[in-house]
Protein backbone atom coordinates (compact mmCIF):
# COMPACT_ATOMS: atom_id res chain seq x y z
CA ARG A 1 25.84 19.88 3.65
CA LEU A 2 27.79 16.72 3.79
CA ILE A 3 25.59 13.58 3.99
CA ALA A 4 27.83 10.65 3.46
CA GLN A 5 30.92 9.64 2.17
CA THR A 6 32.65 6.89 0.83
CA GLY A 7 34.05 4.12 3.15
CA GLU A 8 33.24 5.81 6.07
CA ARG A 9 29.98 5.31 8.29
CA VAL A 10 26.78 7.36 7.90
CA GLN A 11 25.93 9.92 10.81
CA TYR A 12 22.25 9.80 11.72
CA ALA A 13 20.34 12.98 13.05
CA ASP A 14 19.93 11.29 16.03
CA GLY A 15 23.33 11.18 17.02
CA ASP A 16 23.79 7.24 16.18
CA GLN A 17 25.79 5.85 13.03
CA SER A 18 25.24 3.15 10.43
CA ASN A 19 25.94 -0.23 10.69
CA LEU A 20 28.14 -0.10 7.88
CA ASP A 21 30.32 1.80 5.62
CA TYR A 22 28.98 3.75 2.59
CA HIS A 23 28.89 2.36 -0.36
CA SER A 24 31.70 2.83 -3.56
CA GLN A 25 30.94 3.58 -7.03
CA SER A 26 27.78 5.40 -6.70
CA ASP A 27 26.14 5.49 -10.01
CA ALA A 28 22.15 5.93 -10.96
CA ALA A 29 19.98 6.85 -8.03
CA GLY A 30 16.12 7.63 -7.59
CA ILE A 31 13.70 9.06 -4.48
CA ILE A 32 11.27 7.12 -3.32
CA PRO A 33 8.71 7.82 -0.67
CA LEU A 34 8.58 5.59 2.33
CA ASN A 35 4.20 6.24 2.13
CA PRO A 36 3.12 7.31 -1.20
CA ASP A 37 -0.03 8.16 -0.04
CA ASN A 38 1.49 10.84 1.98
CA PRO A 39 4.56 11.90 1.16
CA LEU A 40 5.44 14.78 2.58
CA ASP A 41 4.77 12.93 6.50
CA ASP A 42 6.71 10.11 6.21
CA GLY A 43 10.39 10.63 4.77
CA TYR A 44 11.53 9.28 1.79
CA VAL A 45 14.72 6.94 0.70
CA TYR A 46 17.58 7.92 -2.01
CA VAL A 47 17.66 4.47 -3.63
CA VAL A 48 21.45 4.45 -5.18
CA ASN A 49 23.08 1.87 -7.36
CA SER A 50 26.81 0.48 -6.57
CA GLU A 51 29.16 0.01 -9.87
CA GLU A 52 31.42 -2.18 -8.24
CA GLY A 53 32.46 -5.22 -10.61
CA ASP A 54 32.76 -9.02 -9.87
CA GLY A 55 29.70 -9.75 -7.74
CA GLN A 56 30.33 -6.72 -5.38
CA GLY A 57 27.87 -4.27 -6.95
CA GLY A 58 24.31 -3.75 -5.64
CA VAL A 59 21.49 -1.11 -4.23
CA TYR A 60 21.50 1.03 -1.09
CA GLY A 61 18.82 3.25 0.67
CA LEU A 62 20.11 6.06 2.37
CA TYR A 63 16.57 6.95 4.62
CA PHE A 64 15.60 10.69 5.57
CA ASP A 65 12.57 11.69 7.77
CA LYS A 66 10.18 14.24 6.71
CA ASP A 67 12.68 17.02 7.92
CA GLY A 68 15.38 15.86 5.78
CA ASN A 69 17.29 14.43 8.38
CA VAL A 70 19.25 11.44 7.78
CA ALA A 71 17.61 8.46 9.56
CA ASP A 72 19.18 5.29 8.66
CA TYR A 73 21.29 3.38 5.70
CA LYS A 74 20.84 0.25 4.30
CA VAL A 75 21.88 -2.51 2.03
CA LEU A 76 18.70 -3.21 -0.46
CA LEU A 77 20.66 -5.72 -3.08
CA THR A 78 24.02 -7.66 -2.92
CA ASP A 79 25.82 -10.32 -4.99
CA THR A 80 25.29 -8.34 -8.51
CA THR A 81 28.03 -6.58 -10.87
CA ASP A 82 28.28 -3.34 -12.62
CA ASN A 83 24.76 -1.86 -11.31
CA CYS A 84 24.91 1.44 -13.62
CA GLY A 85 21.73 2.84 -14.35
CA GLY A 86 18.10 1.83 -13.76
CA GLY A 87 14.57 3.54 -13.24
CA LEU A 88 11.69 3.91 -10.90
CA THR A 89 8.59 1.90 -11.03
CA PRO A 90 4.59 3.30 -11.11
CA TRP A 91 4.33 2.01 -7.79
CA ASN A 92 7.54 2.65 -6.23
CA THR A 93 10.24 0.64 -6.67
CA TRP A 94 13.84 0.96 -8.20
CA VAL A 95 15.03 -1.05 -11.08
CA SER A 96 18.77 -1.50 -10.66
CA CYS A 97 20.30 -2.67 -13.96
CA GLU A 98 23.83 -4.49 -14.26
CA GLU A 99 26.24 -3.80 -17.33
CA TYR A 100 27.93 -6.35 -18.31
CA GLU A 101 27.73 -9.47 -20.47
CA ASP A 102 25.03 -11.51 -18.60
CA GLY A 103 23.52 -8.76 -16.46
CA GLN A 104 20.09 -8.64 -15.40
CA CYS A 105 17.64 -6.11 -14.22
CA TRP A 106 16.28 -6.19 -10.40
CA GLN A 107 13.49 -4.89 -9.11
CA VAL A 108 14.43 -3.35 -5.18
CA ASP A 109 11.54 -2.36 -2.56
CA PRO A 110 13.33 -0.03 0.13
CA VAL A 111 10.49 -0.12 2.07
CA SER A 112 9.74 -3.73 2.40
CA GLY A 113 13.23 -4.76 1.20
CA ASP A 114 12.38 -7.36 -1.09
CA ALA A 115 14.67 -7.45 -4.17
CA GLN A 116 14.35 -9.85 -7.24
CA LYS A 117 15.26 -10.76 -10.66
CA THR A 118 12.76 -8.94 -13.25
CA LYS A 119 11.87 -10.25 -16.67
CA LEU A 120 13.17 -7.22 -18.27
CA GLY A 121 16.34 -8.66 -18.73
CA GLY A 122 15.69 -12.14 -20.70
CA ASN A 123 18.97 -13.97 -21.33
CA GLY A 124 21.32 -11.32 -20.02
CA GLY A 125 23.24 -8.12 -21.56
CA ARG A 126 24.64 -4.93 -20.77
CA TYR A 127 21.61 -2.99 -19.27
CA GLU A 128 21.42 0.57 -18.46
CA SER A 129 18.23 2.18 -17.86
CA VAL A 130 14.82 1.47 -17.51
CA ALA A 131 11.61 3.66 -18.46
CA VAL A 132 8.04 2.89 -18.19
CA ASP A 133 4.63 4.13 -20.16
CA ASN A 134 1.63 3.57 -17.64
CA THR A 135 -1.17 5.19 -19.71
CA ASN A 136 -2.81 1.62 -19.65
CA THR A 137 -1.90 0.65 -15.84
CA MET A 138 -2.82 -2.69 -16.23
CA ASN A 139 -0.54 -3.09 -18.84
CA PRO A 140 2.49 -0.65 -17.95
CA VAL A 141 5.14 -0.92 -20.71
CA PHE A 142 8.73 -1.09 -19.82
CA PHE A 143 11.62 0.25 -22.12
CA THR A 144 15.19 -0.90 -21.51
CA THR A 145 18.45 0.59 -23.03
CA GLU A 146 21.52 -1.76 -23.50
CA ASP A 147 24.90 0.10 -23.61
CA ASP A 148 26.40 -2.34 -26.59
CA GLU A 149 27.05 -1.48 -30.13
CA GLU A 150 23.99 -4.18 -30.96
CA GLY A 151 22.23 -3.33 -27.96
CA ALA A 152 18.38 -3.10 -29.19
CA MET A 153 16.04 -1.55 -27.34
CA ARG A 154 13.59 -3.90 -25.07
CA ARG A 155 10.37 -3.70 -24.56
CA PHE A 156 8.57 -5.67 -22.30
CA VAL A 157 4.30 -5.13 -21.97
CA ALA A 158 3.54 -6.24 -17.94
CA ASN A 159 0.23 -8.15 -17.21
CA GLY A 160 -0.69 -6.18 -14.42
CA ASN A 161 0.48 -3.67 -12.30
CA GLY A 162 2.24 -3.78 -8.99
CA TRP A 163 5.52 -6.07 -7.51
CA ASN A 164 4.48 -8.86 -9.50
CA ALA A 165 3.91 -7.45 -12.77
CA LEU A 166 7.86 -7.39 -13.40
CA HIS A 167 7.99 -11.03 -12.52
CA SER A 168 5.43 -13.07 -14.43
CA ASP A 169 5.12 -13.49 -17.82
CA GLY A 170 4.56 -10.11 -20.53
CA ASP A 171 4.96 -9.59 -24.21
CA GLU A 172 8.57 -9.19 -25.46
CA SER A 173 9.76 -7.04 -28.29
CA PHE A 174 12.50 -5.08 -29.55
CA LEU A 175 13.27 -2.01 -31.59
CA ARG A 176 13.81 -2.26 -35.34
CA ILE A 177 13.60 0.90 -36.91
CA ILE A 178 12.77 0.45 -40.75
CA ASP A 179 13.76 3.98 -42.49
CA ASP A 180 14.06 7.12 -42.34
CA ASN A 181 10.67 7.69 -40.26
CA LYS A 182 9.26 4.47 -39.33
CA TYR A 183 10.11 1.54 -36.81
CA GLU A 184 8.38 -1.36 -35.56
CA TRP A 185 8.58 -3.43 -32.19
CA THR A 186 9.76 -6.87 -33.49
CA THR A 187 10.30 -10.22 -31.68
CA ASP A 188 12.98 -10.88 -34.03
CA GLU A 189 16.14 -10.20 -31.88
CA ASP A 190 18.38 -10.26 -34.26
CA ALA A 191 16.76 -8.18 -36.81
CA ALA A 192 16.42 -5.33 -33.98
CA ARG A 193 20.42 -5.82 -33.25
CA GLU A 194 21.44 -5.42 -36.96
CA SER A 195 19.20 -2.27 -36.08
CA ALA A 196 21.05 -1.03 -33.31
CA ALA A 197 24.23 -1.12 -34.97
CA GLN A 198 23.00 0.73 -37.61
CA TYR A 199 20.90 3.42 -36.27
CA TYR A 200 21.39 3.48 -32.42
CA ARG A 201 24.68 1.72 -30.96
CA ASN A 202 24.93 2.16 -27.27
CA SER A 203 21.91 3.32 -26.20
CA GLU A 204 21.67 4.71 -22.03
CA GLY A 205 19.30 7.21 -20.87
CA VAL A 206 15.73 6.67 -21.72
CA GLN A 207 12.61 8.79 -20.51
CA HIS A 208 9.00 8.71 -21.48
CA HIS A 209 7.23 11.64 -21.42
CA GLU A 210 3.49 12.13 -23.21
CA GLY A 211 3.10 9.61 -25.75
CA LYS A 212 7.35 10.13 -26.63
CA LEU A 213 10.05 7.66 -25.63
CA TYR A 214 13.27 9.81 -25.82
CA PHE A 215 17.02 7.92 -25.33
CA MET A 216 20.42 8.72 -25.84
CA ALA A 217 22.64 6.50 -28.56
CA LYS A 218 25.91 7.37 -26.89
CA LYS A 219 28.59 6.16 -29.40
CA ASP A 220 27.04 8.33 -32.50
CA LEU A 221 25.86 11.09 -29.77
CA LYS A 222 22.66 10.71 -31.22
CA LEU A 223 19.25 12.03 -29.20
CA ILE A 224 16.49 9.48 -30.60
CA ILE A 225 12.82 10.54 -30.45
CA LEU A 226 10.14 7.53 -30.59
CA ASP A 227 6.32 8.78 -31.08
CA LEU A 228 4.52 6.00 -29.41
CA GLU A 229 1.58 6.61 -31.03
CA ASN A 230 1.85 6.92 -34.67
CA MET A 231 5.38 4.80 -34.81
CA SER A 232 7.61 7.27 -36.09
CA TYR A 233 11.15 8.63 -34.72
CA GLU A 234 12.89 11.24 -34.93
CA MET A 235 16.73 12.09 -34.25
CA GLU A 236 18.50 15.06 -33.00
CA THR A 237 22.70 15.47 -32.92
């Protein structure tokens, strides 16, 4: 089933079509229910990045009804660059990461249409993906990877839950691997970048699951697994 094609209008199930052509350079994507309280009855949105450069990137939404029929296609974020990876939040928004020297991480709500730069990107970097540990719902912890040889894993502990949590002050730290088994979260970004260059160059995909954080270091073809409770780690190649 062909749903959409770059450079062509999106055809809707009701016979109408989109006002804009389907975007180019699709990359990371997520599925967000239109009504989280009743997801089976109100459809969903396929939220997807466009990794175009030079301010031509962004985020788009392809909207489906509850039966999987295409109902709408919208632009959700514009004027960004190299939107590569990202991740979903516990409150059903999408974080889109720009992967260039001065990139940022943007929160996008496909229901309200709001889009705003978050605190996750600090002063800028080649950001790739985001994962969240929502064990403590009032202080969710976000982890952001950076696709750079000295790209330190960023950890942001938010104050509160919901949209504003990513736009308010929180506690920021960085991953520093200490030895063959232990690691720490440090506020010394330079030390963390030295650690990244030694242990986890060019980190990309990241996922939190049952108290552990999994992420890939593509330069060295490594899977790093952090045990978030006992502050130990292991690597697989």
